[in-house]
């Protein structure tokens, strides 16, 4: 049993004085002071050392910490964290394993080290929790596309356009755009399609830049369909249906945008390009067993068509060309197809 905290030193001095008295019974004396005999012998030994502070409490810190990170390892951890302030213990550990030759401590050890250096916000730690993930079975089966919230620059807003492969999490696009017009998106996607090929399906939210208005098709959607890309939209008010793109945008904000100011839209692109390379080729991804997205991504086998051939329909289809107002005529009646299809031939099947 421990000493009473208020009079610990005086009780220890009194105990030692009584224990040294002639004929003292140490066992009974320890019982009276409510301490074990082991503790009694300990204080007698310390008093015999004649140290001036023998009765004071000593630090319980161990003389050695064989499992404590070596200075070189600690510096390596802090260096990775400095370069990537949003990375946690698991990502840093994987980066150290890939870089070598410094041995990588456990992720929990790295997390404790970061916490000891005041590099982890307790409030942010509380937000993290397990999540259920869904993914497609192969690269380019589905891409997710979104506009990150507008950034304020010294020369107007910047709208980052992001496109992520669902299976590999590979970021095929981070484009700094001055607006969210369909022509701007088409221009950015054309460059992406020429490099990586065409996805089988492209998923977007219901934003005004590409979402449908009253179930009408948009020019951007028709442009994609003409290139053989299926279109789908996330459920309204359910951003989790585009969870990978939403999560990517959050990472982009944390690792590139937070606390930075850009002079204009053009000044945003170089940091976007550097981050995209790091994200795809260097940053370990927890959903990929700490591998990088580039390890799972392959370019599409469907090349971008520089010139589109004529639309072919089945024999027996009734083909009509859509007029300027988005209507077709058949059997003396008019049917609305949508302005986005103006000039395109469409087929009716009975």
Foldseek 3Di string as FASTA:
>chain_A
DAADPVCQLVVLVVLLVQCPDPPRDLCVSCVVRVHHSVVNVQSNVLVVVVDPPSSDDDDPDDPDDPPQDDPVQLVQLVVVCVLFVVDALVQSQLLDVVVDDPHRDHSVNSNVSCVVVVSDDPVVVVPDDDDDDDADDAWLQEKEWDWQPWDDAQVAIWIWIWIATRHLRQTLGTATDRDLALVRVVVRVVVSCQVQNHGQEYEYEQDPRAHDDPPFHALNQVVNVLQNYHYYYDDPPCCVVRVSVVVVSVSCCSGPPPPDHHNDSVRRPVSVVVVSCCQQQPGQDVVVVRHHSVVRHDGDPHHGDPDGDADDDDPPWAKFAAACQQWTDDPNDIDHRHNSRHGHIDTDDD
